[in-house]
Amino acid sequence: MRSLLLVVQYDGTDYHGFQRQPELPTVQGELENALSALLNEDVVVTGAGRTDAGVHAVGQIVTFETERPIPVDRIVRALNSMLPDAVTALEAREVSADFHPRYDARGKVYGYRILNREEPSPFIGRYAWHLPEPLDVSLMREAATSLLGTHDFVAYSSSGGSEGDTVRTLQRLDMDRHGDLIELRLEASGFLYMMARRIVGTLVDVGAGRIGVADVKALLESRDRRRAGTIAPPNGLSLITVIY
């Protein structure tokens, strides 16, 4: 039995998340259907993260096992010929049988895009949160510093994920503005359910003047998710890379 790894990109707009769900279109379902047809055997893929409905990926990692001898350098082209346009395999390679894309990960990087102008955009509307109200990015950056480091991020999570240890290390939270487009980059040892979207939404509340800079740290220290504010919509979020 061979263990293979794929680097996958997808537009999550029309999918009900990564994880397979009965009767609903998912990224895992598309990959498993295409691989099963390609290899003429039942294939189950395991992902590094279960991105939510509407969330995209630039560098999702998945693994699967197969008994077929198809050369690795042929898999990507053959698989892409069977996948829909919204899902693409970029790279394939063999890995050891004990490699796990989720449990062996040392961290993940997510990106978030905000279109900050009155008019929406037909070009990036599927990939950015449209906010017509002016945002003060300098205040958002100031507030973000209190989230860096190792903390209990339970207040920045939502129920429905795997409850357990809620301590994570946020190594990076960068923000850049290019004209009307604000781009955030978050790197952490791991992310709780909805953590990235709650962080972005709370920072937007700061930038819009709905809460103060100090409220971001106060929410973190409260460990009370009931006090959390805005949850950023999924379409602005992308899994950029998984760190091993």
C-alpha atoms as a PDB file:
ATOM      1  CA  MET A   1       0.000   0.000   0.000  1.00  0.00           C
ATOM      2  CA  ARG A   2       1.336   3.434  -0.986  1.00  0.00           C
ATOM      3  CA  SER A   3       0.689   6.681   0.900  1.00  0.00           C
ATOM      4  CA  LEU A   4       0.495   9.764  -1.288  1.00  0.00           C
ATOM      5  CA  LEU A   5       0.270  13.461  -0.464  1.00  0.00           C
ATOM      6  CA  LEU A   6      -1.449  16.101  -2.570  1.00  0.00           C
ATOM      7  CA  VAL A   7      -1.201  19.887  -2.397  1.00  0.00           C
ATOM      8  CA  VAL A   8      -4.651  21.174  -3.339  1.00  0.00           C
ATOM      9  CA  GLN A   9      -6.221  24.538  -4.112  1.00  0.00           C
ATOM     10  CA  TYR A  10      -9.936  25.247  -4.185  1.00  0.00           C
ATOM     11  CA  ASP A  11     -12.565  27.936  -4.431  1.00  0.00           C
ATOM     12  CA  GLY A  12     -14.858  27.050  -1.530  1.00  0.00           C
ATOM     13  CA  THR A  13     -17.739  29.318  -2.542  1.00  0.00           C
ATOM     14  CA  ASP A  14     -20.064  26.603  -3.779  1.00  0.00           C
ATOM     15  CA  TYR A  15     -19.012  23.889  -1.327  1.00  0.00           C
ATOM     16  CA  HIS A  16     -20.321  22.988   2.114  1.00  0.00           C
ATOM     17  CA  GLY A  17     -16.803  22.918   3.501  1.00  0.00           C
ATOM     18  CA  PHE A  18     -13.973  20.449   3.041  1.00  0.00           C
ATOM     19  CA  GLN A  19     -15.362  17.475   4.964  1.00  0.00           C
ATOM     20  CA  ARG A  20     -17.594  15.030   3.120  1.00  0.00           C
ATOM     21  CA  GLN A  21     -21.310  15.356   3.950  1.00  0.00           C
ATOM     22  CA  PRO A  22     -24.128  13.173   2.655  1.00  0.00           C
ATOM     23  CA  GLU A  23     -26.038  14.718  -0.257  1.00  0.00           C
ATOM     24  CA  LEU A  24     -23.998  17.952  -0.165  1.00  0.00           C
ATOM     25  CA  PRO A  25     -21.123  19.087  -2.406  1.00  0.00           C
ATOM     26  CA  THR A  26     -17.805  19.174  -0.510  1.00  0.00           C
ATOM     27  CA  VAL A  27     -14.146  19.389  -1.469  1.00  0.00           C
ATOM     28  CA  GLN A  28     -13.367  16.014   0.098  1.00  0.00           C
ATOM     29  CA  GLY A  29     -16.219  14.501  -1.876  1.00  0.00           C
ATOM     30  CA  GLU A  30     -14.881  15.899  -5.160  1.00  0.00           C
ATOM     31  CA  LEU A  31     -11.366  14.608  -4.447  1.00  0.00           C
ATOM     32  CA  GLU A  32     -12.523  11.159  -3.387  1.00  0.00           C
ATOM     33  CA  ASN A  33     -14.865  10.779  -6.343  1.00  0.00           C
ATOM     34  CA  ALA A  34     -12.172  11.800  -8.838  1.00  0.00           C
ATOM     35  CA  LEU A  35      -9.429   9.680  -7.246  1.00  0.00           C
ATOM     36  CA  SER A  36     -11.698   6.651  -6.971  1.00  0.00           C
ATOM     37  CA  ALA A  37     -12.566   6.919 -10.660  1.00  0.00           C
ATOM     38  CA  LEU A  38      -8.940   7.520 -11.648  1.00  0.00           C
ATOM     39  CA  LEU A  39      -7.527   4.615  -9.639  1.00  0.00           C
ATOM     40  CA  ASN A  40     -10.542   2.301  -9.999  1.00  0.00           C
ATOM     41  CA  GLU A  41     -10.693   1.670  -6.248  1.00  0.00           C
ATOM     42  CA  ASP A  42     -12.378   3.258  -3.254  1.00  0.00           C
ATOM     43  CA  VAL A  43     -10.239   6.162  -2.034  1.00  0.00           C
ATOM     44  CA  VAL A  44     -10.587   8.093   1.223  1.00  0.00           C
ATOM     45  CA  VAL A  45      -8.616  11.318   1.647  1.00  0.00           C
ATOM     46  CA  THR A  46      -7.515  12.922   4.907  1.00  0.00           C
ATOM     47  CA  GLY A  47      -7.067  16.693   5.054  1.00  0.00           C
ATOM     48  CA  ALA A  48      -4.815  18.897   7.171  1.00  0.00           C
ATOM     49  CA  GLY A  49      -7.829  21.005   8.103  1.00  0.00           C
ATOM     50  CA  ARG A  50     -11.596  20.962   7.753  1.00  0.00           C
ATOM     51  CA  THR A  51     -12.219  24.346   6.188  1.00  0.00           C
ATOM     52  CA  ASP A  52     -15.778  25.630   6.635  1.00  0.00           C
ATOM     53  CA  ALA A  53     -18.395  26.257   3.983  1.00  0.00           C
ATOM     54  CA  GLY A  54     -17.308  29.091   1.711  1.00  0.00           C
ATOM     55  CA  VAL A  55     -13.650  29.087   2.848  1.00  0.00           C
ATOM     56  CA  HIS A  56     -10.948  28.706   0.202  1.00  0.00           C
ATOM     57  CA  ALA A  57      -7.519  27.081   0.138  1.00  0.00           C
ATOM     58  CA  VAL A  58      -4.275  27.934  -1.616  1.00  0.00           C
ATOM     59  CA  GLY A  59      -2.255  25.111  -0.051  1.00  0.00           C
ATOM     60  CA  GLN A  60      -4.468  22.484   1.556  1.00  0.00           C
ATOM     61  CA  ILE A  61      -2.660  19.190   2.230  1.00  0.00           C
ATOM     62  CA  VAL A  62      -4.405  15.842   1.813  1.00  0.00           C
ATOM     63  CA  THR A  63      -3.196  12.259   1.885  1.00  0.00           C
ATOM     64  CA  PHE A  64      -4.645   8.988   0.642  1.00  0.00           C
ATOM     65  CA  GLU A  65      -3.617   5.355   0.233  1.00  0.00           C
ATOM     66  CA  THR A  66      -3.642   3.338  -2.958  1.00  0.00           C
ATOM     67  CA  GLU A  67      -2.464  -0.026  -4.224  1.00  0.00           C
ATOM     68  CA  ARG A  68      -2.175   1.240  -7.796  1.00  0.00           C
ATOM     69  CA  PRO A  69       1.307   1.703  -9.315  1.00  0.00           C
ATOM     70  CA  ILE A  70       0.477   4.950 -11.161  1.00  0.00           C
ATOM     71  CA  PRO A  71       3.641   7.116 -11.257  1.00  0.00           C
ATOM     72  CA  VAL A  72       3.515  10.173  -8.995  1.00  0.00           C
ATOM     73  CA  ASP A  73       4.436  12.519 -11.839  1.00  0.00           C
ATOM     74  CA  ARG A  74       1.298  11.478 -13.738  1.00  0.00           C
ATOM     75  CA  ILE A  75      -1.214  11.820 -10.926  1.00  0.00           C
ATOM     76  CA  VAL A  76      -1.637  15.612 -10.938  1.00  0.00           C
ATOM     77  CA  ARG A  77      -2.427  15.948 -14.626  1.00  0.00           C
ATOM     78  CA  ALA A  78      -4.682  12.904 -14.664  1.00  0.00           C
ATOM     79  CA  LEU A  79      -6.527  13.988 -11.521  1.00  0.00           C
ATOM     80  CA  ASN A  80      -7.060  17.555 -12.717  1.00  0.00           C
ATOM     81  CA  SER A  81      -8.668  16.258 -15.900  1.00  0.00           C
ATOM     82  CA  MET A  82     -11.363  14.698 -13.682  1.00  0.00           C
ATOM     83  CA  LEU A  83     -11.831  17.444 -11.091  1.00  0.00           C
ATOM     84  CA  PRO A  84     -14.189  20.429 -11.471  1.00  0.00           C
ATOM     85  CA  ASP A  85     -12.666  23.831 -12.218  1.00  0.00           C
ATOM     86  CA  ALA A  86     -13.051  24.916  -8.574  1.00  0.00           C
ATOM     87  CA  VAL A  87     -10.634  22.253  -7.292  1.00  0.00           C
ATOM     88  CA  THR A  88      -7.054  21.768  -8.498  1.00  0.00           C
ATOM     89  CA  ALA A  89      -4.179  19.515  -7.477  1.00  0.00           C
ATOM     90  CA  LEU A  90      -0.802  21.264  -7.650  1.00  0.00           C
ATOM     91  CA  GLU A  91       1.649  18.610  -6.500  1.00  0.00           C
ATOM     92  CA  ALA A  92       1.804  14.918  -5.584  1.00  0.00           C
ATOM     93  CA  ARG A  93       4.469  12.943  -3.746  1.00  0.00           C
ATOM     94  CA  GLU A  94       4.858   9.749  -1.776  1.00  0.00           C
ATOM     95  CA  VAL A  95       5.097   9.958   2.026  1.00  0.00           C
ATOM     96  CA  SER A  96       5.699   7.474   4.797  1.00  0.00           C
ATOM     97  CA  ALA A  97       2.770   5.390   5.987  1.00  0.00           C
ATOM     98  CA  ASP A  98       2.838   7.027   9.432  1.00  0.00           C
ATOM     99  CA  PHE A  99       2.574  10.612   8.108  1.00  0.00           C
ATOM    100  CA  HIS A 100      -0.644  12.384   9.104  1.00  0.00           C
ATOM    101  CA  PRO A 101      -1.454  15.732   7.428  1.00  0.00           C
ATOM    102  CA  ARG A 102      -3.252  17.105  10.483  1.00  0.00           C
ATOM    103  CA  TYR A 103      -1.468  15.671  13.508  1.00  0.00           C
ATOM    104  CA  ASP A 104       2.032  16.145  12.075  1.00  0.00           C
ATOM    105  CA  ALA A 105       1.406  19.818  11.250  1.00  0.00           C
ATOM    106  CA  ARG A 106       3.349  22.341  13.348  1.00  0.00           C
ATOM    107  CA  GLY A 107       1.200  25.263  12.268  1.00  0.00           C
ATOM    108  CA  LYS A 108      -1.054  26.823   9.669  1.00  0.00           C
ATOM    109  CA  VAL A 109      -1.173  30.144   7.841  1.00  0.00           C
ATOM    110  CA  TYR A 110      -4.476  31.761   6.892  1.00  0.00           C
ATOM    111  CA  GLY A 111      -5.062  34.859   4.810  1.00  0.00           C
ATOM    112  CA  TYR A 112      -8.060  37.175   4.953  1.00  0.00           C
ATOM    113  CA  ARG A 113      -9.043  39.882   2.449  1.00  0.00           C
ATOM    114  CA  ILE A 114     -11.309  42.874   3.012  1.00  0.00           C
ATOM    115  CA  LEU A 115     -12.540  45.146   0.225  1.00  0.00           C
ATOM    116  CA  ASN A 116     -12.939  48.468   2.000  1.00  0.00           C
ATOM    117  CA  ARG A 117     -14.835  50.832  -0.288  1.00  0.00           C
ATOM    118  CA  GLU A 118     -18.423  51.804  -1.029  1.00  0.00           C
ATOM    119  CA  GLU A 119     -18.732  49.789  -4.231  1.00  0.00           C
ATOM    120  CA  PRO A 120     -18.521  45.978  -4.366  1.00  0.00           C
ATOM    121  CA  SER A 121     -16.286  44.236  -6.907  1.00  0.00           C
ATOM    122  CA  PRO A 122     -17.350  41.588  -9.425  1.00  0.00           C
ATOM    123  CA  PHE A 123     -13.733  40.415  -9.620  1.00  0.00           C
ATOM    124  CA  ILE A 124     -12.873  39.643  -5.990  1.00  0.00           C
ATOM    125  CA  GLY A 125     -16.315  39.563  -4.400  1.00  0.00           C
ATOM    126  CA  ARG A 126     -16.095  35.795  -3.951  1.00  0.00           C
ATOM    127  CA  TYR A 127     -12.777  36.150  -2.149  1.00  0.00           C
ATOM    128  CA  ALA A 128     -13.108  39.254   0.036  1.00  0.00           C
ATOM    129  CA  TRP A 129     -15.408  40.708   2.692  1.00  0.00           C
ATOM    130  CA  HIS A 130     -16.957  43.867   1.265  1.00  0.00           C
ATOM    131  CA  LEU A 131     -17.121  46.606   3.922  1.00  0.00           C
ATOM    132  CA  PRO A 132     -18.223  50.079   2.764  1.00  0.00           C
ATOM    133  CA  GLU A 133     -17.554  51.779   6.127  1.00  0.00           C
ATOM    134  CA  PRO A 134     -14.043  53.268   6.544  1.00  0.00           C
ATOM    135  CA  LEU A 135     -11.651  51.166   8.628  1.00  0.00           C
ATOM    136  CA  ASP A 136      -8.725  52.518  10.649  1.00  0.00           C
ATOM    137  CA  VAL A 137      -6.017  49.943   9.924  1.00  0.00           C
ATOM    138  CA  SER A 138      -3.558  51.560  12.335  1.00  0.00           C
ATOM    139  CA  LEU A 139      -5.961  50.927  15.220  1.00  0.00           C
ATOM    140  CA  MET A 140      -6.504  47.368  14.019  1.00  0.00           C
ATOM    141  CA  ARG A 141      -2.740  46.759  14.011  1.00  0.00           C
ATOM    142  CA  GLU A 142      -2.432  48.193  17.515  1.00  0.00           C
ATOM    143  CA  ALA A 143      -5.206  45.955  18.801  1.00  0.00           C
ATOM    144  CA  ALA A 144      -3.734  42.876  17.111  1.00  0.00           C
ATOM    145  CA  THR A 145      -0.520  43.038  19.160  1.00  0.00           C
ATOM    146  CA  SER A 146      -2.346  41.865  22.290  1.00  0.00           C
ATOM    147  CA  LEU A 147      -3.248  38.603  20.537  1.00  0.00           C
ATOM    148  CA  LEU A 148       0.309  37.618  19.643  1.00  0.00           C
ATOM    149  CA  GLY A 149       1.949  34.895  21.688  1.00  0.00           C
ATOM    150  CA  THR A 150       0.559  31.920  23.589  1.00  0.00           C
ATOM    151  CA  HIS A 151      -2.933  32.371  25.034  1.00  0.00           C
ATOM    152  CA  ASP A 152      -6.172  30.571  25.734  1.00  0.00           C
ATOM    153  CA  PHE A 153      -8.180  31.612  22.656  1.00  0.00           C
ATOM    154  CA  VAL A 154     -11.493  30.120  23.755  1.00  0.00           C
ATOM    155  CA  ALA A 155     -13.179  33.548  23.642  1.00  0.00           C
ATOM    156  CA  TYR A 156     -12.177  33.781  19.964  1.00  0.00           C
ATOM    157  CA  SER A 157     -13.697  30.424  19.075  1.00  0.00           C
ATOM    158  CA  SER A 158     -17.178  29.031  18.538  1.00  0.00           C
ATOM    159  CA  SER A 159     -18.848  25.961  19.935  1.00  0.00           C
ATOM    160  CA  GLY A 160     -19.183  23.095  17.512  1.00  0.00           C
ATOM    161  CA  GLY A 161     -15.495  22.308  17.100  1.00  0.00           C
ATOM    162  CA  SER A 162     -13.502  19.660  18.912  1.00  0.00           C
ATOM    163  CA  GLU A 163     -13.564  20.851  22.507  1.00  0.00           C
ATOM    164  CA  GLY A 164     -10.293  20.270  24.339  1.00  0.00           C
ATOM    165  CA  ASP A 165      -7.145  22.280  24.878  1.00  0.00           C
ATOM    166  CA  THR A 166      -7.909  25.831  23.689  1.00  0.00           C
ATOM    167  CA  VAL A 167      -4.390  27.231  24.136  1.00  0.00           C
ATOM    168  CA  ARG A 168      -2.734  28.252  20.877  1.00  0.00           C
ATOM    169  CA  THR A 169       0.312  30.287  19.883  1.00  0.00           C
ATOM    170  CA  LEU A 170      -0.311  33.090  17.395  1.00  0.00           C
ATOM    171  CA  GLN A 171       3.112  33.836  15.913  1.00  0.00           C
ATOM    172  CA  ARG A 172       2.070  36.334  13.279  1.00  0.00           C
ATOM    173  CA  LEU A 173      -0.794  38.710  12.592  1.00  0.00           C
ATOM    174  CA  ASP A 174       0.118  41.108   9.798  1.00  0.00           C
ATOM    175  CA  MET A 175      -2.056  43.683   8.069  1.00  0.00           C
ATOM    176  CA  ASP A 176      -1.342  45.543   4.846  1.00  0.00           C
ATOM    177  CA  ARG A 177      -3.486  47.982   2.932  1.00  0.00           C
ATOM    178  CA  HIS A 178      -3.165  48.330  -0.843  1.00  0.00           C
ATOM    179  CA  GLY A 179      -5.646  50.963  -1.936  1.00  0.00           C
ATOM    180  CA  ASP A 180      -9.117  49.587  -1.181  1.00  0.00           C
ATOM    181  CA  LEU A 181      -7.856  46.116  -0.294  1.00  0.00           C
ATOM    182  CA  ILE A 182      -6.853  45.147   3.246  1.00  0.00           C
ATOM    183  CA  GLU A 183      -5.010  41.845   3.577  1.00  0.00           C
ATOM    184  CA  LEU A 184      -4.387  40.023   6.851  1.00  0.00           C
ATOM    185  CA  ARG A 185      -2.029  37.103   7.415  1.00  0.00           C
ATOM    186  CA  LEU A 186      -2.407  34.919  10.504  1.00  0.00           C
ATOM    187  CA  GLU A 187       0.076  32.198  11.469  1.00  0.00           C
ATOM    188  CA  ALA A 188      -0.518  29.997  14.500  1.00  0.00           C
ATOM    189  CA  SER A 189       0.386  26.633  15.950  1.00  0.00           C
ATOM    190  CA  GLY A 190      -3.225  25.726  15.257  1.00  0.00           C
ATOM    191  CA  PHE A 191      -6.627  27.364  14.967  1.00  0.00           C
ATOM    192  CA  LEU A 192      -9.754  26.689  16.986  1.00  0.00           C
ATOM    193  CA  TYR A 193     -13.138  26.474  15.287  1.00  0.00           C
ATOM    194  CA  MET A 194     -13.948  29.941  13.863  1.00  0.00           C
ATOM    195  CA  MET A 195     -10.847  31.417  15.549  1.00  0.00           C
ATOM    196  CA  ALA A 196      -9.453  33.171  12.484  1.00  0.00           C
ATOM    197  CA  ARG A 197     -12.837  34.625  11.511  1.00  0.00           C
ATOM    198  CA  ARG A 198     -13.573  35.829  15.059  1.00  0.00           C
ATOM    199  CA  ILE A 199     -10.175  37.515  15.293  1.00  0.00           C
ATOM    200  CA  VAL A 200     -10.708  39.291  11.979  1.00  0.00           C
ATOM    201  CA  GLY A 201     -14.257  40.306  12.891  1.00  0.00           C
ATOM    202  CA  THR A 202     -13.149  41.707  16.254  1.00  0.00           C
ATOM    203  CA  LEU A 203     -10.337  43.697  14.652  1.00  0.00           C
ATOM    204  CA  VAL A 204     -12.818  45.077  12.120  1.00  0.00           C
ATOM    205  CA  ASP A 205     -15.005  46.186  15.044  1.00  0.00           C
ATOM    206  CA  VAL A 206     -11.969  48.118  16.297  1.00  0.00           C
ATOM    207  CA  GLY A 207     -11.243  49.634  12.904  1.00  0.00           C
ATOM    208  CA  ALA A 208     -14.883  50.722  12.540  1.00  0.00           C
ATOM    209  CA  GLY A 209     -14.907  52.304  16.007  1.00  0.00           C
ATOM    210  CA  ARG A 210     -17.475  49.933  17.499  1.00  0.00           C
ATOM    211  CA  ILE A 211     -15.086  48.780  20.233  1.00  0.00           C
ATOM    212  CA  GLY A 212     -11.787  50.060  21.592  1.00  0.00           C
ATOM    213  CA  VAL A 213      -8.267  48.701  21.266  1.00  0.00           C
ATOM    214  CA  ALA A 214      -8.253  47.540  24.890  1.00  0.00           C
ATOM    215  CA  ASP A 215     -11.437  45.510  24.346  1.00  0.00           C
ATOM    216  CA  VAL A 216      -9.544  43.011  22.190  1.00  0.00           C
ATOM    217  CA  LYS A 217      -7.273  42.037  25.077  1.00  0.00           C
ATOM    218  CA  ALA A 218     -10.155  42.150  27.559  1.00  0.00           C
ATOM    219  CA  LEU A 219     -12.131  39.667  25.460  1.00  0.00           C
ATOM    220  CA  LEU A 220      -9.112  37.365  25.243  1.00  0.00           C
ATOM    221  CA  GLU A 221      -8.604  37.436  29.004  1.00  0.00           C
ATOM    222  CA  SER A 222     -12.308  36.926  29.724  1.00  0.00           C
ATOM    223  CA  ARG A 223     -12.251  33.440  28.149  1.00  0.00           C
ATOM    224  CA  ASP A 224     -15.945  34.003  27.488  1.00  0.00           C
ATOM    225  CA  ARG A 225     -16.973  33.420  23.877  1.00  0.00           C
ATOM    226  CA  ARG A 226     -20.435  34.833  24.669  1.00  0.00           C
ATOM    227  CA  ARG A 227     -18.844  38.294  24.737  1.00  0.00           C
ATOM    228  CA  ALA A 228     -17.379  37.939  21.252  1.00  0.00           C
ATOM    229  CA  GLY A 229     -18.450  40.361  18.550  1.00  0.00           C
ATOM    230  CA  THR A 230     -18.530  40.082  14.788  1.00  0.00           C
ATOM    231  CA  ILE A 231     -17.655  36.871  12.978  1.00  0.00           C
ATOM    232  CA  ALA A 232     -16.071  37.665   9.614  1.00  0.00           C
ATOM    233  CA  PRO A 233     -17.815  35.924   6.697  1.00  0.00           C
ATOM    234  CA  PRO A 234     -16.120  32.853   5.193  1.00  0.00           C
ATOM    235  CA  ASN A 235     -15.550  34.149   1.677  1.00  0.00           C
ATOM    236  CA  GLY A 236     -12.593  36.356   2.683  1.00  0.00           C
ATOM    237  CA  LEU A 237     -10.692  33.475   4.323  1.00  0.00           C
ATOM    238  CA  SER A 238      -8.155  31.188   2.662  1.00  0.00           C
ATOM    239  CA  LEU A 239      -5.906  28.473   4.041  1.00  0.00           C
ATOM    240  CA  ILE A 240      -2.548  29.566   2.642  1.00  0.00           C
ATOM    241  CA  THR A 241      -0.177  26.832   3.781  1.00  0.00           C
ATOM    242  CA  VAL A 242       0.353  24.096   6.331  1.00  0.00           C
ATOM    243  CA  ILE A 243       3.683  24.068   8.169  1.00  0.00           C
ATOM    244  CA  TYR A 244       5.464  20.760   8.913  1.00  0.00           C
END
